[in-house]
Amino acid sequence: MATVLSDTTQPLDIPPPANDDGYRPHADEPFMNPRQQAYFRAKLLAWKDAILRESQDTLAHLQNESLREADLTDRASSETDWSIELRTRDRQRKLISKIEAALRRIDDGEYGYCEVTGEPIALGRLEARPIATMTVEAQSRHERHEKVSREE
């Protein structure tokens, strides 16, 4: 499983597509041709499936484990661990909605193009962050604008 950094520098575990035949999109082929679309669809679906499996594992563990530690320090530590785990699952729930939105963009023929400029998003960026909706430049402008807005 490859770990990449998201736009917020949180590590994301994206498994290889289930039908990984070694194909990787490259710049000397037509952008978002059917093979590239199939590649990114498989990548997104594999990522979504991995997240859902992890969620099921967490749920099963929560149902089977109870906080029975007699020592207050041990109990507090366990509660903190579960709190962190549940926050992680909440972030992943939000990530699933972004994955589903990316899959809809593939269906609509909009995947891989910047929602701000309409320009193609670099294949390397899509490889690292398949849910990206903006080019690096547009994302940077957006983040600078957000920072200025927050400081006002």
N, C-alpha and C. Protein backbone atom coordinates (compact mmCIF):
# COMPACT_ATOMS: atom_id res chain seq x y z
N MET A 1 0.84 -1.16 0.00
CA MET A 1 0.00 0.00 0.00
C MET A 1 0.90 1.24 0.00
N ALA A 2 0.66 2.16 -0.89
CA ALA A 2 1.49 3.35 -0.99
C ALA A 2 0.94 4.44 -0.10
N THR A 3 1.79 5.11 0.64
CA THR A 3 1.37 6.22 1.47
C THR A 3 1.79 7.50 0.77
N VAL A 4 0.83 8.40 0.59
CA VAL A 4 1.10 9.68 -0.05
C VAL A 4 0.60 10.77 0.86
N LEU A 5 1.00 11.99 0.58
CA LEU A 5 0.55 13.11 1.38
C LEU A 5 -0.62 13.78 0.70
N SER A 6 -1.61 14.14 1.48
CA SER A 6 -2.77 14.82 0.96
C SER A 6 -2.48 16.32 0.91
N ASP A 7 -3.50 17.07 0.50
CA ASP A 7 -3.36 18.52 0.46
C ASP A 7 -3.15 19.08 1.86
N THR A 8 -3.54 18.33 2.89
CA THR A 8 -3.37 18.79 4.26
C THR A 8 -2.23 18.06 4.95
N THR A 9 -1.37 17.42 4.18
CA THR A 9 -0.18 16.69 4.62
C THR A 9 -0.49 15.54 5.57
N GLN A 10 -1.70 15.01 5.56
CA GLN A 10 -2.02 13.80 6.31
C GLN A 10 -1.69 12.62 5.42
N PRO A 11 -1.06 11.57 5.95
CA PRO A 11 -0.75 10.42 5.12
C PRO A 11 -2.02 9.70 4.70
N LEU A 12 -2.06 9.31 3.45
CA LEU A 12 -3.20 8.58 2.90
C LEU A 12 -2.69 7.26 2.38
N ASP A 13 -3.32 6.17 2.77
CA ASP A 13 -2.93 4.87 2.27
C ASP A 13 -3.82 4.52 1.09
N ILE A 14 -3.23 4.46 -0.09
CA ILE A 14 -3.97 4.13 -1.29
C ILE A 14 -3.43 2.81 -1.81
N PRO A 15 -4.25 1.76 -1.75
CA PRO A 15 -3.78 0.46 -2.25
C PRO A 15 -3.69 0.48 -3.76
N PRO A 16 -2.88 -0.40 -4.34
CA PRO A 16 -2.86 -0.48 -5.79
C PRO A 16 -4.20 -1.04 -6.27
N PRO A 17 -4.61 -0.70 -7.50
CA PRO A 17 -5.86 -1.24 -8.03
C PRO A 17 -5.81 -2.77 -8.03
N ALA A 18 -6.96 -3.39 -7.82
CA ALA A 18 -7.04 -4.85 -7.75
C ALA A 18 -6.57 -5.51 -9.04
N ASN A 19 -6.85 -4.87 -10.16
CA ASN A 19 -6.45 -5.43 -11.45
C ASN A 19 -5.15 -4.79 -11.94
N ASP A 20 -4.23 -4.54 -11.02
CA ASP A 20 -2.98 -3.85 -11.34
C ASP A 20 -2.14 -4.69 -12.31
N ASP A 21 -2.19 -4.31 -13.58
CA ASP A 21 -1.44 -5.03 -14.61
C ASP A 21 -0.12 -4.34 -14.92
N GLY A 22 0.27 -3.41 -14.06
CA GLY A 22 1.53 -2.71 -14.26
C GLY A 22 1.38 -1.43 -15.05
N TYR A 23 0.20 -1.18 -15.62
CA TYR A 23 -0.03 0.04 -16.39
C TYR A 23 0.01 1.26 -15.48
N ARG A 24 0.67 2.30 -15.94
CA ARG A 24 0.67 3.60 -15.28
C ARG A 24 0.45 4.65 -16.38
N PRO A 25 -0.46 5.58 -16.14
CA PRO A 25 -0.69 6.63 -17.14
C PRO A 25 0.60 7.42 -17.39
N HIS A 26 0.79 7.85 -18.62
CA HIS A 26 1.95 8.67 -18.92
C HIS A 26 1.57 9.79 -19.88
N ALA A 27 2.40 10.83 -19.89
CA ALA A 27 2.07 12.07 -20.58
C ALA A 27 2.06 11.96 -22.09
N ASP A 28 2.66 10.92 -22.66
CA ASP A 28 2.71 10.84 -24.12
C ASP A 28 1.51 10.10 -24.72
N GLU A 29 0.46 9.92 -23.95
CA GLU A 29 -0.78 9.36 -24.47
C GLU A 29 -1.89 10.40 -24.29
N PRO A 30 -2.98 10.28 -25.03
CA PRO A 30 -4.06 11.28 -24.89
C PRO A 30 -4.54 11.35 -23.44
N PHE A 31 -4.72 12.59 -22.96
CA PHE A 31 -5.11 12.81 -21.57
C PHE A 31 -6.52 12.30 -21.32
N MET A 32 -6.69 11.56 -20.26
CA MET A 32 -7.94 10.97 -19.80
C MET A 32 -8.62 10.13 -20.88
N ASN A 33 -7.78 9.36 -21.57
CA ASN A 33 -8.30 8.39 -22.53
C ASN A 33 -8.99 7.27 -21.74
N PRO A 34 -9.73 6.39 -22.38
CA PRO A 34 -10.47 5.35 -21.65
C PRO A 34 -9.58 4.50 -20.73
N ARG A 35 -8.34 4.23 -21.13
CA ARG A 35 -7.47 3.42 -20.29
C ARG A 35 -7.08 4.17 -19.01
N GLN A 36 -6.79 5.46 -19.14
CA GLN A 36 -6.49 6.27 -17.95
C GLN A 36 -7.70 6.36 -17.04
N GLN A 37 -8.87 6.57 -17.63
CA GLN A 37 -10.09 6.64 -16.82
C GLN A 37 -10.31 5.33 -16.06
N ALA A 38 -10.13 4.20 -16.74
CA ALA A 38 -10.29 2.90 -16.09
C ALA A 38 -9.26 2.72 -14.97
N TYR A 39 -8.04 3.17 -15.22
CA TYR A 39 -6.98 3.07 -14.21
C TYR A 39 -7.36 3.85 -12.95
N PHE A 40 -7.78 5.11 -13.13
CA PHE A 40 -8.11 5.93 -11.97
C PHE A 40 -9.39 5.45 -11.30
N ARG A 41 -10.35 4.93 -12.06
CA ARG A 41 -11.56 4.36 -11.47
C ARG A 41 -11.18 3.18 -10.56
N ALA A 42 -10.33 2.29 -11.07
CA ALA A 42 -9.90 1.13 -10.28
C ALA A 42 -9.14 1.58 -9.04
N LYS A 43 -8.30 2.60 -9.18
CA LYS A 43 -7.52 3.11 -8.05
C LYS A 43 -8.46 3.68 -6.98
N LEU A 44 -9.44 4.45 -7.40
CA LEU A 44 -10.39 5.05 -6.47
C LEU A 44 -11.25 3.98 -5.78
N LEU A 45 -11.71 2.99 -6.54
CA LEU A 45 -12.53 1.93 -5.96
C LEU A 45 -11.73 1.09 -4.97
N ALA A 46 -10.47 0.80 -5.28
CA ALA A 46 -9.62 0.04 -4.36
C ALA A 46 -9.40 0.82 -3.07
N TRP A 47 -9.20 2.12 -3.19
CA TRP A 47 -9.00 2.98 -2.03
C TRP A 47 -10.26 2.99 -1.15
N LYS A 48 -11.41 3.16 -1.80
CA LYS A 48 -12.68 3.17 -1.07
C LYS A 48 -12.90 1.83 -0.36
N ASP A 49 -12.65 0.73 -1.06
CA ASP A 49 -12.82 -0.59 -0.44
C ASP A 49 -11.90 -0.76 0.76
N ALA A 50 -10.67 -0.30 0.67
CA ALA A 50 -9.73 -0.41 1.79
C ALA A 50 -10.22 0.38 3.00
N ILE A 51 -10.74 1.56 2.75
CA ILE A 51 -11.26 2.40 3.84
C ILE A 51 -12.46 1.71 4.50
N LEU A 52 -13.35 1.17 3.68
CA LEU A 52 -14.54 0.50 4.22
C LEU A 52 -14.16 -0.74 5.04
N ARG A 53 -13.16 -1.48 4.57
CA ARG A 53 -12.69 -2.65 5.33
C ARG A 53 -12.13 -2.23 6.68
N GLU A 54 -11.32 -1.16 6.69
CA GLU A 54 -10.76 -0.66 7.94
C GLU A 54 -11.87 -0.22 8.89
N SER A 55 -12.89 0.41 8.35
CA SER A 55 -14.02 0.86 9.18
C SER A 55 -14.74 -0.32 9.79
N GLN A 56 -14.94 -1.36 8.99
CA GLN A 56 -15.59 -2.56 9.52
C GLN A 56 -14.76 -3.20 10.63
N ASP A 57 -13.44 -3.23 10.43
CA ASP A 57 -12.55 -3.78 11.46
C ASP A 57 -12.65 -2.98 12.76
N THR A 58 -12.69 -1.66 12.63
CA THR A 58 -12.80 -0.80 13.81
C THR A 58 -14.12 -1.04 14.51
N LEU A 59 -15.20 -1.11 13.74
CA LEU A 59 -16.52 -1.34 14.32
C LEU A 59 -16.57 -2.69 15.05
N ALA A 60 -16.04 -3.72 14.42
CA ALA A 60 -16.02 -5.04 15.05
C ALA A 60 -15.21 -5.01 16.35
N HIS A 61 -14.08 -4.32 16.30
CA HIS A 61 -13.23 -4.23 17.49
C HIS A 61 -13.94 -3.46 18.61
N LEU A 62 -14.64 -2.38 18.25
CA LEU A 62 -15.38 -1.62 19.26
C LEU A 62 -16.49 -2.46 19.88
N GLN A 63 -17.14 -3.28 19.08
CA GLN A 63 -18.22 -4.10 19.60
C GLN A 63 -17.71 -5.23 20.48
N ASN A 64 -16.54 -5.74 20.19
CA ASN A 64 -15.99 -6.88 20.93
C ASN A 64 -15.18 -6.48 22.15
N GLU A 65 -14.64 -5.29 22.13
CA GLU A 65 -13.79 -4.82 23.23
C GLU A 65 -14.58 -3.83 24.08
N SER A 66 -14.43 -3.91 25.34
CA SER A 66 -15.01 -2.90 26.21
C SER A 66 -13.91 -2.34 27.08
N LEU A 67 -14.17 -1.18 27.60
CA LEU A 67 -13.18 -0.53 28.46
C LEU A 67 -13.35 -1.08 29.87
N ARG A 68 -12.56 -2.09 30.18
CA ARG A 68 -12.67 -2.74 31.49
C ARG A 68 -11.45 -2.51 32.37
N GLU A 69 -10.58 -1.64 31.98
CA GLU A 69 -9.38 -1.42 32.76
C GLU A 69 -9.76 -0.87 34.13
N ALA A 70 -9.23 -1.49 35.14
CA ALA A 70 -9.52 -1.05 36.51
C ALA A 70 -8.76 0.22 36.85
N ASP A 71 -7.54 0.31 36.35
CA ASP A 71 -6.70 1.47 36.65
C ASP A 71 -7.20 2.67 35.85
N LEU A 72 -7.39 3.80 36.52
CA LEU A 72 -7.89 5.00 35.86
C LEU A 72 -6.97 5.48 34.74
N THR A 73 -5.68 5.37 34.95
CA THR A 73 -4.72 5.80 33.92
C THR A 73 -4.83 4.92 32.68
N ASP A 74 -4.94 3.62 32.87
CA ASP A 74 -5.10 2.71 31.73
C ASP A 74 -6.41 2.98 31.00
N ARG A 75 -7.46 3.21 31.77
CA ARG A 75 -8.76 3.49 31.15
C ARG A 75 -8.70 4.79 30.34
N ALA A 76 -8.10 5.82 30.90
CA ALA A 76 -7.97 7.10 30.20
C ALA A 76 -7.17 6.94 28.92
N SER A 77 -6.11 6.15 28.99
CA SER A 77 -5.30 5.89 27.81
C SER A 77 -6.11 5.18 26.72
N SER A 78 -6.89 4.19 27.12
CA SER A 78 -7.73 3.45 26.17
C SER A 78 -8.78 4.37 25.55
N GLU A 79 -9.39 5.21 26.36
CA GLU A 79 -10.40 6.14 25.85
C GLU A 79 -9.79 7.13 24.87
N THR A 80 -8.58 7.57 25.16
CA THR A 80 -7.89 8.48 24.24
C THR A 80 -7.60 7.78 22.92
N ASP A 81 -7.13 6.54 23.00
CA ASP A 81 -6.86 5.77 21.78
C ASP A 81 -8.11 5.63 20.94
N TRP A 82 -9.25 5.31 21.57
CA TRP A 82 -10.50 5.14 20.83
C TRP A 82 -10.97 6.46 20.24
N SER A 83 -10.78 7.53 20.97
CA SER A 83 -11.17 8.85 20.47
C SER A 83 -10.39 9.18 19.19
N ILE A 84 -9.10 8.91 19.21
CA ILE A 84 -8.27 9.16 18.03
C ILE A 84 -8.73 8.27 16.88
N GLU A 85 -9.00 7.01 17.15
CA GLU A 85 -9.46 6.08 16.13
C GLU A 85 -10.78 6.54 15.51
N LEU A 86 -11.70 6.99 16.35
CA LEU A 86 -13.00 7.44 15.84
C LEU A 86 -12.87 8.73 15.02
N ARG A 87 -11.97 9.61 15.41
CA ARG A 87 -11.73 10.82 14.61
C ARG A 87 -11.16 10.45 13.25
N THR A 88 -10.26 9.47 13.24
CA THR A 88 -9.68 8.99 11.99
C THR A 88 -10.78 8.43 11.10
N ARG A 89 -11.68 7.63 11.65
CA ARG A 89 -12.78 7.06 10.87
C ARG A 89 -13.69 8.16 10.34
N ASP A 90 -13.90 9.23 11.11
CA ASP A 90 -14.73 10.33 10.64
C ASP A 90 -14.08 11.02 9.44
N ARG A 91 -12.76 11.22 9.51
CA ARG A 91 -12.05 11.81 8.36
C ARG A 91 -12.16 10.90 7.15
N GLN A 92 -12.08 9.60 7.38
CA GLN A 92 -12.18 8.66 6.27
C GLN A 92 -13.59 8.64 5.69
N ARG A 93 -14.60 8.84 6.51
CA ARG A 93 -15.97 8.93 6.02
C ARG A 93 -16.09 10.11 5.05
N LYS A 94 -15.48 11.23 5.42
CA LYS A 94 -15.50 12.40 4.53
C LYS A 94 -14.70 12.12 3.27
N LEU A 95 -13.62 11.36 3.40
CA LEU A 95 -12.80 11.01 2.25
C LEU A 95 -13.58 10.15 1.27
N ILE A 96 -14.42 9.26 1.79
CA ILE A 96 -15.23 8.41 0.91
C ILE A 96 -16.15 9.27 0.04
N SER A 97 -16.71 10.34 0.60
CA SER A 97 -17.58 11.20 -0.22
C SER A 97 -16.77 11.89 -1.32
N LYS A 98 -15.51 12.22 -1.05
CA LYS A 98 -14.66 12.80 -2.08
C LYS A 98 -14.31 11.77 -3.16
N ILE A 99 -14.10 10.53 -2.74
CA ILE A 99 -13.83 9.46 -3.70
C ILE A 99 -15.05 9.25 -4.59
N GLU A 100 -16.24 9.23 -3.99
CA GLU A 100 -17.46 9.06 -4.78
C GLU A 100 -17.67 10.23 -5.75
N ALA A 101 -17.32 11.43 -5.32
CA ALA A 101 -17.42 12.59 -6.21
C ALA A 101 -16.45 12.45 -7.39
N ALA A 102 -15.25 11.94 -7.11
CA ALA A 102 -14.27 11.73 -8.19
C ALA A 102 -14.79 10.68 -9.18
N LEU A 103 -15.41 9.62 -8.67
CA LEU A 103 -15.98 8.59 -9.55
C LEU A 103 -17.10 9.18 -10.41
N ARG A 104 -17.90 10.07 -9.85
CA ARG A 104 -18.95 10.74 -10.65
C ARG A 104 -18.32 11.62 -11.73
N ARG A 105 -17.19 12.28 -11.39
CA ARG A 105 -16.52 13.11 -12.40
C ARG A 105 -15.99 12.25 -13.54
N ILE A 106 -15.53 11.04 -13.24
CA ILE A 106 -15.10 10.13 -14.30
C ILE A 106 -16.29 9.82 -15.19
N ASP A 107 -17.43 9.48 -14.59
CA ASP A 107 -18.64 9.16 -15.35
C ASP A 107 -19.08 10.34 -16.22
N ASP A 108 -18.90 11.56 -15.70
CA ASP A 108 -19.33 12.75 -16.42
C ASP A 108 -18.29 13.28 -17.41
N GLY A 109 -17.10 12.65 -17.45
CA GLY A 109 -16.05 13.10 -18.35
C GLY A 109 -15.31 14.34 -17.86
N GLU A 110 -15.47 14.67 -16.58
CA GLU A 110 -14.84 15.87 -16.02
C GLU A 110 -13.61 15.55 -15.19
N TYR A 111 -13.35 14.27 -14.95
CA TYR A 111 -12.24 13.88 -14.08
C TYR A 111 -10.91 14.25 -14.71
N GLY A 112 -10.02 14.76 -13.86
CA GLY A 112 -8.67 15.09 -14.32
C GLY A 112 -8.51 16.52 -14.79
N TYR A 113 -9.61 17.26 -14.79
CA TYR A 113 -9.56 18.66 -15.23
C TYR A 113 -9.86 19.56 -14.04
N CYS A 114 -9.11 20.65 -13.95
CA CYS A 114 -9.23 21.59 -12.84
C CYS A 114 -10.62 22.22 -12.83
N GLU A 115 -11.25 22.22 -11.66
CA GLU A 115 -12.58 22.81 -11.55
C GLU A 115 -12.54 24.34 -11.62
N VAL A 116 -11.37 24.93 -11.48
CA VAL A 116 -11.23 26.38 -11.54
C VAL A 116 -10.83 26.85 -12.93
N THR A 117 -9.79 26.24 -13.49
CA THR A 117 -9.24 26.71 -14.77
C THR A 117 -9.67 25.86 -15.96
N GLY A 118 -10.11 24.63 -15.71
CA GLY A 118 -10.45 23.72 -16.80
C GLY A 118 -9.24 23.04 -17.42
N GLU A 119 -8.05 23.35 -16.93
CA GLU A 119 -6.82 22.75 -17.45
C GLU A 119 -6.66 21.33 -16.92
N PRO A 120 -5.94 20.48 -17.66
CA PRO A 120 -5.67 19.14 -17.14
C PRO A 120 -4.83 19.20 -15.86
N ILE A 121 -5.17 18.35 -14.91
CA ILE A 121 -4.39 18.21 -13.68
C ILE A 121 -3.25 17.24 -13.99
N ALA A 122 -2.07 17.55 -13.56
CA ALA A 122 -0.90 16.72 -13.85
C ALA A 122 -1.15 15.27 -13.41
N LEU A 123 -0.72 14.33 -14.25
CA LEU A 123 -0.91 12.91 -13.94
C LEU A 123 -0.23 12.53 -12.63
N GLY A 124 0.93 13.12 -12.36
CA GLY A 124 1.62 12.84 -11.10
C GLY A 124 0.80 13.25 -9.90
N ARG A 125 0.13 14.37 -10.01
CA ARG A 125 -0.75 14.83 -8.92
C ARG A 125 -1.93 13.88 -8.76
N LEU A 126 -2.53 13.47 -9.87
CA LEU A 126 -3.66 12.54 -9.79
C LEU A 126 -3.22 11.18 -9.26
N GLU A 127 -2.01 10.79 -9.60
CA GLU A 127 -1.49 9.52 -9.10
C GLU A 127 -1.35 9.57 -7.58
N ALA A 128 -0.84 10.70 -7.08
CA ALA A 128 -0.61 10.86 -5.64
C ALA A 128 -1.90 11.20 -4.90
N ARG A 129 -2.78 11.94 -5.53
CA ARG A 129 -4.02 12.41 -4.89
C ARG A 129 -5.16 12.27 -5.90
N PRO A 130 -5.68 11.06 -6.08
CA PRO A 130 -6.67 10.83 -7.14
C PRO A 130 -7.98 11.59 -6.96
N ILE A 131 -8.19 12.21 -5.80
CA ILE A 131 -9.40 12.99 -5.60
C ILE A 131 -9.17 14.48 -5.87
N ALA A 132 -7.99 14.84 -6.36
CA ALA A 132 -7.67 16.24 -6.62
C ALA A 132 -8.67 16.83 -7.61
N THR A 133 -9.07 18.06 -7.32
CA THR A 133 -10.01 18.76 -8.21
C THR A 133 -9.40 20.01 -8.83
N MET A 134 -8.17 20.33 -8.42
CA MET A 134 -7.51 21.53 -8.94
C MET A 134 -6.07 21.23 -9.28
N THR A 135 -5.54 22.00 -10.21
CA THR A 135 -4.11 21.91 -10.49
C THR A 135 -3.35 22.43 -9.27
N VAL A 136 -2.07 22.15 -9.21
CA VAL A 136 -1.26 22.62 -8.08
C VAL A 136 -1.32 24.14 -7.99
N GLU A 137 -1.24 24.80 -9.13
CA GLU A 137 -1.26 26.27 -9.15
C GLU A 137 -2.58 26.82 -8.63
N ALA A 138 -3.69 26.24 -9.10
CA ALA A 138 -5.01 26.70 -8.64
C ALA A 138 -5.19 26.41 -7.15
N GLN A 139 -4.72 25.26 -6.70
CA GLN A 139 -4.81 24.90 -5.28
C GLN A 139 -4.00 25.89 -4.44
N SER A 140 -2.81 26.25 -4.91
CA SER A 140 -1.97 27.21 -4.18
C SER A 140 -2.66 28.57 -4.08
N ARG A 141 -3.23 29.03 -5.20
CA ARG A 141 -3.96 30.31 -5.18
C ARG A 141 -5.13 30.24 -4.20
N HIS A 142 -5.84 29.14 -4.22
CA HIS A 142 -6.99 28.94 -3.34
C HIS A 142 -6.55 28.98 -1.88
N GLU A 143 -5.47 28.29 -1.55
CA GLU A 143 -4.98 28.28 -0.17
C GLU A 143 -4.47 29.64 0.27
N ARG A 144 -3.81 30.37 -0.65
CA ARG A 144 -3.35 31.73 -0.30
C ARG A 144 -4.56 32.63 -0.02
N HIS A 145 -5.59 32.50 -0.86
CA HIS A 145 -6.79 33.32 -0.66
C HIS A 145 -7.47 32.98 0.66
N GLU A 146 -7.54 31.69 1.01
CA GLU A 146 -8.10 31.28 2.29
C GLU A 146 -7.32 31.86 3.46
N LYS A 147 -6.00 31.85 3.35
CA LYS A 147 -5.15 32.37 4.41
C LYS A 147 -5.38 33.86 4.59
N VAL A 148 -5.46 34.59 3.49
CA VAL A 148 -5.71 36.04 3.56
C VAL A 148 -7.08 36.29 4.17
N SER A 149 -8.09 35.50 3.77
CA SER A 149 -9.43 35.68 4.30
C SER A 149 -9.48 35.43 5.80
N ARG A 150 -8.75 34.42 6.28
CA ARG A 150 -8.74 34.12 7.70
C ARG A 150 -8.05 35.22 8.50
N GLU A 151 -7.05 35.86 7.91
CA GLU A 151 -6.29 36.89 8.64
C GLU A 151 -7.05 38.20 8.72
N GLU A 152 -8.07 38.37 7.89
CA GLU A 152 -8.81 39.64 7.90
C GLU A 152 -9.80 39.71 9.02
